[in-house]
Each structure stands twice: as C-alpha cells, then as structure tokens.
C-alpha cells in the first residue's frame, strides 16, 4: 500500500520480500520515482516476515535513494541494521 501526502510518500510492505515479490516491488518502486517529486519517502517494514537476497538488494537500493526504512521487530531491525552497515 502506498500513501501520498503533500510532504511524504509512505509504503507499507507485508509478507515476504523475496523472489517474484521483490522483482514486482522493484518495478513499482522504479515507476513511482517520478511521483515522489522530492518528498520524503518512508518504507514501513513492520509486517515483513522474510527477506531473501533479492529483497535485501532492493532494500539497499531504496536506502541509497534516500528512503527511510522503519522496523521494530528484531528480524527486520537486524536486516535494516546490516544494510546500513554495508551502505556506510
């Protein structure tokens, strides 16, 4: 789900970020770049339960493009932390 406001675009992801789902999300992410128009982008990962290598690469891309990743569960916090370390 994508929510747009005047100052922010928020993506809420659920389930598995792997395989075909990661490929589909990458396509949607790339298509939505022009709609952000300089607004902050937040990607909520609270309900993501699994991420494979393809999903990690996509999250790394999202981070490098300036989005903020939000996670509070231990599994996703560890993944986000590892992406931040590798992005440094």
PDB file of N, CA and C in Angstrom:
ATOM      1  N   UNK A   1       0.843  -1.167   0.000  1.00  0.00           N
ATOM      2  CA  UNK A   1       0.000   0.000   0.000  1.00  0.00           C
ATOM      3  C   UNK A   1       0.897   1.241   0.000  1.00  0.00           C
ATOM      4  N   UNK A   2       0.528   2.225  -0.795  1.00  0.00           N
ATOM      5  CA  UNK A   2       1.267   3.479  -0.880  1.00  0.00           C
ATOM      6  C   UNK A   2       0.323   4.604  -0.490  1.00  0.00           C
ATOM      7  N   UNK A   3       0.784   5.449   0.426  1.00  0.00           N
ATOM      8  CA  UNK A   3       0.007   6.602   0.847  1.00  0.00           C
ATOM      9  C   UNK A   3       0.788   7.863   0.499  1.00  0.00           C
ATOM     10  N   UNK A   4       0.121   8.794  -0.150  1.00  0.00           N
ATOM     11  CA  UNK A   4       0.753  10.053  -0.533  1.00  0.00           C
ATOM     12  C   UNK A   4       0.159  11.206   0.247  1.00  0.00           C
ATOM     13  N   UNK A   5       1.034  12.059   0.778  1.00  0.00           N
ATOM     14  CA  UNK A   5       0.615  13.334   1.356  1.00  0.00           C
ATOM     15  C   UNK A   5       1.452  14.414   0.676  1.00  0.00           C
ATOM     16  N   UNK A   6       1.214  15.643   1.039  1.00  0.00           N
ATOM     17  CA  UNK A   6       1.940  16.750   0.414  1.00  0.00           C
ATOM     18  C   UNK A   6       3.445  16.672   0.678  1.00  0.00           C
ATOM     19  N   UNK A   7       3.837  16.103   1.820  1.00  0.00           N
ATOM     20  CA  UNK A   7       5.248  16.116   2.206  1.00  0.00           C
ATOM     21  C   UNK A   7       5.910  14.741   2.246  1.00  0.00           C
ATOM     22  N   UNK A   8       5.119  13.666   2.085  1.00  0.00           N
ATOM     23  CA  UNK A   8       5.682  12.344   2.296  1.00  0.00           C
ATOM     24  C   UNK A   8       4.943  11.299   1.471  1.00  0.00           C
ATOM     25  N   UNK A   9       5.709  10.293   1.051  1.00  0.00           N
ATOM     26  CA  UNK A   9       5.130   9.107   0.442  1.00  0.00           C
ATOM     27  C   UNK A   9       5.481   7.939   1.356  1.00  0.00           C
ATOM     28  N   UNK A  10       4.470   7.172   1.778  1.00  0.00           N
ATOM     29  CA  UNK A  10       4.686   6.054   2.690  1.00  0.00           C
ATOM     30  C   UNK A  10       4.294   4.752   2.002  1.00  0.00           C
ATOM     31  N   UNK A  11       5.200   3.791   2.077  1.00  0.00           N
ATOM     32  CA  UNK A  11       4.969   2.448   1.553  1.00  0.00           C
ATOM     33  C   UNK A  11       4.842   1.515   2.747  1.00  0.00           C
ATOM     34  N   UNK A  12       3.806   0.684   2.776  1.00  0.00           N
ATOM     35  CA  UNK A  12       3.638  -0.322   3.820  1.00  0.00           C
ATOM     36  C   UNK A  12       3.769  -1.691   3.150  1.00  0.00           C
ATOM     37  N   UNK A  13       4.816  -2.424   3.543  1.00  0.00           N
ATOM     38  CA  UNK A  13       5.074  -3.741   2.961  1.00  0.00           C
ATOM     39  C   UNK A  13       4.647  -4.830   3.933  1.00  0.00           C
ATOM     40  N   UNK A  14       4.185  -5.953   3.376  1.00  0.00           N
ATOM     41  CA  UNK A  14       3.723  -7.072   4.197  1.00  0.00           C
ATOM     42  C   UNK A  14       4.184  -8.387   3.585  1.00  0.00           C
ATOM     43  N   UNK A  15       4.332  -9.383   4.436  1.00  0.00           N
ATOM     44  CA  UNK A  15       4.633 -10.733   3.955  1.00  0.00           C
ATOM     45  C   UNK A  15       6.092 -10.935   3.633  1.00  0.00           C
ATOM     46  N   UNK A  16       6.345 -11.618   2.527  1.00  0.00           N
ATOM     47  CA  UNK A  16       7.707 -11.975   2.135  1.00  0.00           C
ATOM     48  C   UNK A  16       8.210 -11.019   1.059  1.00  0.00           C
ATOM     49  N   UNK A  17       9.436 -10.562   1.236  1.00  0.00           N
ATOM     50  CA  UNK A  17      10.098  -9.730   0.243  1.00  0.00           C
ATOM     51  C   UNK A  17      11.164 -10.610  -0.409  1.00  0.00           C
ATOM     52  N   UNK A  18      10.691 -11.458  -1.313  1.00  0.00           N
ATOM     53  CA  UNK A  18      11.574 -12.454  -1.922  1.00  0.00           C
ATOM     54  C   UNK A  18      11.061 -12.813  -3.309  1.00  0.00           C
ATOM     55  N   UNK A  19      11.986 -13.365  -4.098  1.00  0.00           N
ATOM     56  CA  UNK A  19      11.622 -13.885  -5.412  1.00  0.00           C
ATOM     57  C   UNK A  19      10.841 -12.902  -6.250  1.00  0.00           C
ATOM     58  N   UNK A  20       9.763 -13.382  -6.791  1.00  0.00           N
ATOM     59  CA  UNK A  20       8.920 -12.578  -7.699  1.00  0.00           C
ATOM     60  C   UNK A  20       8.358 -11.343  -7.008  1.00  0.00           C
ATOM     61  N   UNK A  21       8.063 -11.464  -5.698  1.00  0.00           N
ATOM     62  CA  UNK A  21       7.513 -10.312  -4.965  1.00  0.00           C
ATOM     63  C   UNK A  21       8.524  -9.169  -4.930  1.00  0.00           C
ATOM     64  N   UNK A  22       9.800  -9.492  -4.751  1.00  0.00           N
ATOM     65  CA  UNK A  22      10.850  -8.468  -4.740  1.00  0.00           C
ATOM     66  C   UNK A  22      11.000  -7.839  -6.121  1.00  0.00           C
ATOM     67  N   UNK A  23      10.925  -8.651  -7.156  1.00  0.00           N
ATOM     68  CA  UNK A  23      11.024  -8.140  -8.527  1.00  0.00           C
ATOM     69  C   UNK A  23       9.862  -7.194  -8.816  1.00  0.00           C
ATOM     70  N   UNK A  24       8.648  -7.592  -8.442  1.00  0.00           N
ATOM     71  CA  UNK A  24       7.473  -6.745  -8.654  1.00  0.00           C
ATOM     72  C   UNK A  24       7.581  -5.435  -7.884  1.00  0.00           C
ATOM     73  N   UNK A  25       8.053  -5.513  -6.639  1.00  0.00           N
ATOM     74  CA  UNK A  25       8.198  -4.304  -5.835  1.00  0.00           C
ATOM     75  C   UNK A  25       9.245  -3.378  -6.439  1.00  0.00           C
ATOM     76  N   UNK A  26      10.355  -3.932  -6.914  1.00  0.00           N
ATOM     77  CA  UNK A  26      11.387  -3.104  -7.555  1.00  0.00           C
ATOM     78  C   UNK A  26      10.798  -2.339  -8.743  1.00  0.00           C
ATOM     79  N   UNK A  27       9.989  -3.013  -9.532  1.00  0.00           N
ATOM     80  CA  UNK A  27       9.359  -2.373 -10.690  1.00  0.00           C
ATOM     81  C   UNK A  27       8.446  -1.232 -10.236  1.00  0.00           C
ATOM     82  N   UNK A  28       7.623  -1.486  -9.235  1.00  0.00           N
ATOM     83  CA  UNK A  28       6.726  -0.435  -8.722  1.00  0.00           C
ATOM     84  C   UNK A  28       7.521   0.719  -8.122  1.00  0.00           C
ATOM     85  N   UNK A  29       8.610   0.399  -7.399  1.00  0.00           N
ATOM     86  CA  UNK A  29       9.457   1.422  -6.793  1.00  0.00           C
ATOM     87  C   UNK A  29      10.045   2.328  -7.883  1.00  0.00           C
ATOM     88  N   UNK A  30      10.583   1.703  -8.925  1.00  0.00           N
ATOM     89  CA  UNK A  30      11.190   2.464 -10.021  1.00  0.00           C
ATOM     90  C   UNK A  30      10.148   3.321 -10.742  1.00  0.00           C
ATOM     91  N   UNK A  31       8.955   2.779 -10.934  1.00  0.00           N
ATOM     92  CA  UNK A  31       7.888   3.533 -11.597  1.00  0.00           C
ATOM     93  C   UNK A  31       7.418   4.727 -10.755  1.00  0.00           C
ATOM     94  N   UNK A  32       7.487   4.602  -9.442  1.00  0.00           N
ATOM     95  CA  UNK A  32       6.977   5.644  -8.547  1.00  0.00           C
ATOM     96  C   UNK A  32       7.981   6.764  -8.287  1.00  0.00           C
ATOM     97  N   UNK A  33       9.212   6.625  -8.750  1.00  0.00           N
ATOM     98  CA  UNK A  33      10.231   7.654  -8.505  1.00  0.00           C
ATOM     99  C   UNK A  33       9.756   9.035  -8.913  1.00  0.00           C
ATOM    100  N   UNK A  34       9.160   9.134 -10.064  1.00  0.00           N
ATOM    101  CA  UNK A  34       8.735  10.452 -10.564  1.00  0.00           C
ATOM    102  C   UNK A  34       7.589  11.037  -9.750  1.00  0.00           C
ATOM    103  N   UNK A  35       6.819  10.201  -9.059  1.00  0.00           N
ATOM    104  CA  UNK A  35       5.688  10.721  -8.285  1.00  0.00           C
ATOM    105  C   UNK A  35       6.105  11.274  -6.935  1.00  0.00           C
ATOM    106  N   UNK A  36       7.328  10.944  -6.489  1.00  0.00           N
ATOM    107  CA  UNK A  36       7.785  11.441  -5.185  1.00  0.00           C
ATOM    108  C   UNK A  36       8.106  12.925  -5.242  1.00  0.00           C
ATOM    109  N   UNK A  37       8.650  13.390  -6.332  1.00  0.00           N
ATOM    110  CA  UNK A  37       8.926  14.808  -6.550  1.00  0.00           C
ATOM    111  C   UNK A  37       9.574  15.489  -5.349  1.00  0.00           C
ATOM    112  N   UNK A  38      10.644  14.884  -4.825  1.00  0.00           N
ATOM    113  CA  UNK A  38      11.390  15.491  -3.733  1.00  0.00           C
ATOM    114  C   UNK A  38      10.819  15.284  -2.343  1.00  0.00           C
ATOM    115  N   UNK A  39       9.686  14.620  -2.250  1.00  0.00           N
ATOM    116  CA  UNK A  39       9.100  14.358  -0.923  1.00  0.00           C
ATOM    117  C   UNK A  39       9.870  13.266  -0.205  1.00  0.00           C
ATOM    118  N   UNK A  40       9.803  13.298   1.103  1.00  0.00           N
ATOM    119  CA  UNK A  40      10.393  12.236   1.913  1.00  0.00           C
ATOM    120  C   UNK A  40       9.649  10.931   1.629  1.00  0.00           C
ATOM    121  N   UNK A  41      10.368   9.820   1.686  1.00  0.00           N
ATOM    122  CA  UNK A  41       9.751   8.516   1.469  1.00  0.00           C
ATOM    123  C   UNK A  41      10.064   7.612   2.656  1.00  0.00           C
ATOM    124  N   UNK A  42       9.026   7.020   3.219  1.00  0.00           N
ATOM    125  CA  UNK A  42       9.151   6.112   4.347  1.00  0.00           C
ATOM    126  C   UNK A  42       8.642   4.742   3.898  1.00  0.00           C
ATOM    127  N   UNK A  43       9.436   3.706   4.188  1.00  0.00           N
ATOM    128  CA  UNK A  43       9.033   2.336   3.858  1.00  0.00           C
ATOM    129  C   UNK A  43       8.858   1.583   5.175  1.00  0.00           C
ATOM    130  N   UNK A  44       7.617   1.238   5.482  1.00  0.00           N
ATOM    131  CA  UNK A  44       7.265   0.553   6.720  1.00  0.00           C
ATOM    132  C   UNK A  44       7.399  -0.956   6.500  1.00  0.00           C
ATOM    133  N   UNK A  45       8.298  -1.566   7.267  1.00  0.00           N
ATOM    134  CA  UNK A  45       8.579  -3.000   7.135  1.00  0.00           C
ATOM    135  C   UNK A  45       8.014  -3.821   8.296  1.00  0.00           C
ATOM    136  N   UNK A  46       7.130  -3.239   9.074  1.00  0.00           N
ATOM    137  CA  UNK A  46       6.628  -3.883  10.295  1.00  0.00           C
ATOM    138  C   UNK A  46       6.045  -5.272  10.047  1.00  0.00           C
ATOM    139  N   UNK A  47       5.376  -5.464   8.924  1.00  0.00           N
ATOM    140  CA  UNK A  47       4.705  -6.740   8.672  1.00  0.00           C
ATOM    141  C   UNK A  47       5.433  -7.622   7.660  1.00  0.00           C
ATOM    142  N   UNK A  48       6.716  -7.329   7.416  1.00  0.00           N
ATOM    143  CA  UNK A  48       7.518  -8.191   6.539  1.00  0.00           C
ATOM    144  C   UNK A  48       8.078  -9.322   7.395  1.00  0.00           C
ATOM    145  N   UNK A  49       7.890 -10.562   6.932  1.00  0.00           N
ATOM    146  CA  UNK A  49       8.290 -11.714   7.739  1.00  0.00           C
ATOM    147  C   UNK A  49       9.522 -12.444   7.197  1.00  0.00           C
ATOM    148  N   UNK A  50       9.917 -12.125   5.952  1.00  0.00           N
ATOM    149  CA  UNK A  50      11.075 -12.803   5.363  1.00  0.00           C
ATOM    150  C   UNK A  50      11.638 -11.949   4.239  1.00  0.00           C
ATOM    151  N   UNK A  51      12.967 -11.902   4.144  1.00  0.00           N
ATOM    152  CA  UNK A  51      13.645 -11.173   3.072  1.00  0.00           C
ATOM    153  C   UNK A  51      14.767 -12.057   2.536  1.00  0.00           C
ATOM    154  N   UNK A  52      14.775 -12.300   1.213  1.00  0.00           N
ATOM    155  CA  UNK A  52      15.876 -13.053   0.618  1.00  0.00           C
ATOM    156  C   UNK A  52      16.906 -12.069   0.048  1.00  0.00           C
ATOM    157  N   UNK A  53      17.912 -12.593  -0.636  1.00  0.00           N
ATOM    158  CA  UNK A  53      18.985 -11.740  -1.172  1.00  0.00           C
ATOM    159  C   UNK A  53      18.440 -10.693  -2.152  1.00  0.00           C
ATOM    160  N   UNK A  54      17.512 -11.082  -2.998  1.00  0.00           N
ATOM    161  CA  UNK A  54      16.888 -10.138  -3.940  1.00  0.00           C
ATOM    162  C   UNK A  54      16.189  -9.011  -3.182  1.00  0.00           C
ATOM    163  N   UNK A  55      15.489  -9.377  -2.118  1.00  0.00           N
ATOM    164  CA  UNK A  55      14.813  -8.378  -1.283  1.00  0.00           C
ATOM    165  C   UNK A  55      15.795  -7.455  -0.591  1.00  0.00           C
ATOM    166  N   UNK A  56      16.907  -8.015  -0.118  1.00  0.00           N
ATOM    167  CA  UNK A  56      17.936  -7.185   0.523  1.00  0.00           C
ATOM    168  C   UNK A  56      18.539  -6.191  -0.461  1.00  0.00           C
ATOM    169  N   UNK A  57      18.786  -6.638  -1.679  1.00  0.00           N
ATOM    170  CA  UNK A  57      19.327  -5.737  -2.698  1.00  0.00           C
ATOM    171  C   UNK A  57      18.348  -4.599  -2.993  1.00  0.00           C
ATOM    172  N   UNK A  58      17.071  -4.928  -3.041  1.00  0.00           N
ATOM    173  CA  UNK A  58      16.061  -3.897  -3.267  1.00  0.00           C
ATOM    174  C   UNK A  58      16.036  -2.910  -2.104  1.00  0.00           C
ATOM    175  N   UNK A  59      16.063  -3.409  -0.874  1.00  0.00           N
ATOM    176  CA  UNK A  59      16.074  -2.515   0.283  1.00  0.00           C
ATOM    177  C   UNK A  59      17.321  -1.637   0.281  1.00  0.00           C
ATOM    178  N   UNK A  60      18.449  -2.176  -0.141  1.00  0.00           N
ATOM    179  CA  UNK A  60      19.683  -1.390  -0.247  1.00  0.00           C
ATOM    180  C   UNK A  60      19.497  -0.264  -1.266  1.00  0.00           C
ATOM    181  N   UNK A  61      18.882  -0.577  -2.409  1.00  0.00           N
ATOM    182  CA  UNK A  61      18.600   0.436  -3.423  1.00  0.00           C
ATOM    183  C   UNK A  61      17.697   1.525  -2.844  1.00  0.00           C
ATOM    184  N   UNK A  62      16.657   1.102  -2.150  1.00  0.00           N
ATOM    185  CA  UNK A  62      15.711   2.045  -1.562  1.00  0.00           C
ATOM    186  C   UNK A  62      16.432   2.973  -0.576  1.00  0.00           C
ATOM    187  N   UNK A  63      17.305   2.410   0.231  1.00  0.00           N
ATOM    188  CA  UNK A  63      18.088   3.221   1.176  1.00  0.00           C
ATOM    189  C   UNK A  63      18.982   4.223   0.453  1.00  0.00           C
ATOM    190  N   UNK A  64      19.676   3.768  -0.565  1.00  0.00           N
ATOM    191  CA  UNK A  64      20.599   4.663  -1.271  1.00  0.00           C
ATOM    192  C   UNK A  64      19.864   5.771  -1.999  1.00  0.00           C
ATOM    193  N   UNK A  65      18.586   5.561  -2.272  1.00  0.00           N
ATOM    194  CA  UNK A  65      17.788   6.600  -2.916  1.00  0.00           C
ATOM    195  C   UNK A  65      17.142   7.534  -1.897  1.00  0.00           C
ATOM    196  N   UNK A  66      17.518   7.379  -0.622  1.00  0.00           N
ATOM    197  CA  UNK A  66      17.105   8.342   0.389  1.00  0.00           C
ATOM    198  C   UNK A  66      15.878   8.008   1.202  1.00  0.00           C
ATOM    199  N   UNK A  67      15.314   6.837   1.009  1.00  0.00           N
ATOM    200  CA  UNK A  67      14.129   6.474   1.788  1.00  0.00           C
ATOM    201  C   UNK A  67      14.520   6.085   3.210  1.00  0.00           C
ATOM    202  N   UNK A  68      13.570   6.221   4.107  1.00  0.00           N
ATOM    203  CA  UNK A  68      13.758   5.807   5.493  1.00  0.00           C
ATOM    204  C   UNK A  68      13.050   4.461   5.672  1.00  0.00           C
ATOM    205  N   UNK A  69      13.767   3.471   6.205  1.00  0.00           N
ATOM    206  CA  UNK A  69      13.176   2.165   6.484  1.00  0.00           C
ATOM    207  C   UNK A  69      12.773   2.108   7.945  1.00  0.00           C
ATOM    208  N   UNK A  70      11.540   1.688   8.211  1.00  0.00           N
ATOM    209  CA  UNK A  70      11.010   1.631   9.570  1.00  0.00           C
ATOM    210  C   UNK A  70      10.734   0.178   9.934  1.00  0.00           C
ATOM    211  N   UNK A  71      11.328  -0.269  11.042  1.00  0.00           N
ATOM    212  CA  UNK A  71      11.111  -1.638  11.518  1.00  0.00           C
ATOM    213  C   UNK A  71      11.290  -1.668  13.026  1.00  0.00           C
ATOM    214  N   UNK A  72      10.451  -2.445  13.716  1.00  0.00           N
ATOM    215  CA  UNK A  72      10.612  -2.577  15.165  1.00  0.00           C
ATOM    216  C   UNK A  72      10.819  -4.030  15.588  1.00  0.00           C
ATOM    217  N   UNK A  73      10.428  -4.981  14.755  1.00  0.00           N
ATOM    218  CA  UNK A  73      10.652  -6.393  15.097  1.00  0.00           C
ATOM    219  C   UNK A  73      12.124  -6.726  14.925  1.00  0.00           C
ATOM    220  N   UNK A  74      12.611  -7.626  15.774  1.00  0.00           N
ATOM    221  CA  UNK A  74      14.031  -7.968  15.798  1.00  0.00           C
ATOM    222  C   UNK A  74      14.547  -8.416  14.432  1.00  0.00           C
ATOM    223  N   UNK A  75      13.802  -9.281  13.745  1.00  0.00           N
ATOM    224  CA  UNK A  75      14.254  -9.799  12.449  1.00  0.00           C
ATOM    225  C   UNK A  75      14.508  -8.667  11.462  1.00  0.00           C
ATOM    226  N   UNK A  76      13.523  -7.786  11.303  1.00  0.00           N
ATOM    227  CA  UNK A  76      13.664  -6.707  10.328  1.00  0.00           C
ATOM    228  C   UNK A  76      14.654  -5.653  10.801  1.00  0.00           C
ATOM    229  N   UNK A  77      14.735  -5.414  12.103  1.00  0.00           N
ATOM    230  CA  UNK A  77      15.722  -4.462  12.608  1.00  0.00           C
ATOM    231  C   UNK A  77      17.133  -4.944  12.286  1.00  0.00           C
ATOM    232  N   UNK A  78      17.374  -6.238  12.424  1.00  0.00           N
ATOM    233  CA  UNK A  78      18.687  -6.805  12.092  1.00  0.00           C
ATOM    234  C   UNK A  78      19.000  -6.642  10.608  1.00  0.00           C
ATOM    235  N   UNK A  79      18.018  -6.877   9.756  1.00  0.00           N
ATOM    236  CA  UNK A  79      18.235  -6.731   8.320  1.00  0.00           C
ATOM    237  C   UNK A  79      18.534  -5.271   7.979  1.00  0.00           C
ATOM    238  N   UNK A  80      17.739  -4.361   8.511  1.00  0.00           N
ATOM    239  CA  UNK A  80      17.945  -2.935   8.236  1.00  0.00           C
ATOM    240  C   UNK A  80      19.322  -2.502   8.765  1.00  0.00           C
ATOM    241  N   UNK A  81      19.685  -2.959   9.952  1.00  0.00           N
ATOM    242  CA  UNK A  81      20.992  -2.602  10.501  1.00  0.00           C
ATOM    243  C   UNK A  81      22.116  -3.122   9.614  1.00  0.00           C
ATOM    244  N   UNK A  82      21.994  -4.334   9.095  1.00  0.00           N
ATOM    245  CA  UNK A  82      23.036  -4.877   8.227  1.00  0.00           C
ATOM    246  C   UNK A  82      23.123  -4.103   6.910  1.00  0.00           C
ATOM    247  N   UNK A  83      21.995  -3.624   6.417  1.00  0.00           N
ATOM    248  CA  UNK A  83      22.011  -2.815   5.193  1.00  0.00           C
ATOM    249  C   UNK A  83      22.684  -1.486   5.447  1.00  0.00           C
ATOM    250  N   UNK A  84      22.402  -0.888   6.603  1.00  0.00           N
ATOM    251  CA  UNK A  84      23.019   0.396   6.949  1.00  0.00           C
ATOM    252  C   UNK A  84      24.528   0.256   7.081  1.00  0.00           C
ATOM    253  N   UNK A  85      24.989  -0.836   7.673  1.00  0.00           N
ATOM    254  CA  UNK A  85      26.419  -1.068   7.834  1.00  0.00           C
ATOM    255  C   UNK A  85      27.077  -1.214   6.464  1.00  0.00           C
ATOM    256  N   UNK A  86      26.449  -1.989   5.575  1.00  0.00           N
ATOM    257  CA  UNK A  86      27.023  -2.214   4.250  1.00  0.00           C
ATOM    258  C   UNK A  86      26.935  -0.962   3.379  1.00  0.00           C
ATOM    259  N   UNK A  87      25.995  -0.062   3.681  1.00  0.00           N
ATOM    260  CA  UNK A  87      25.854   1.176   2.911  1.00  0.00           C
ATOM    261  C   UNK A  87      26.868   2.235   3.324  1.00  0.00           C
ATOM    262  N   UNK A  88      27.473   2.086   4.502  1.00  0.00           N
ATOM    263  CA  UNK A  88      28.386   3.096   5.020  1.00  0.00           C
ATOM    264  C   UNK A  88      29.695   3.112   4.272  1.00  0.00           C
TER     265      UNK A  88
END
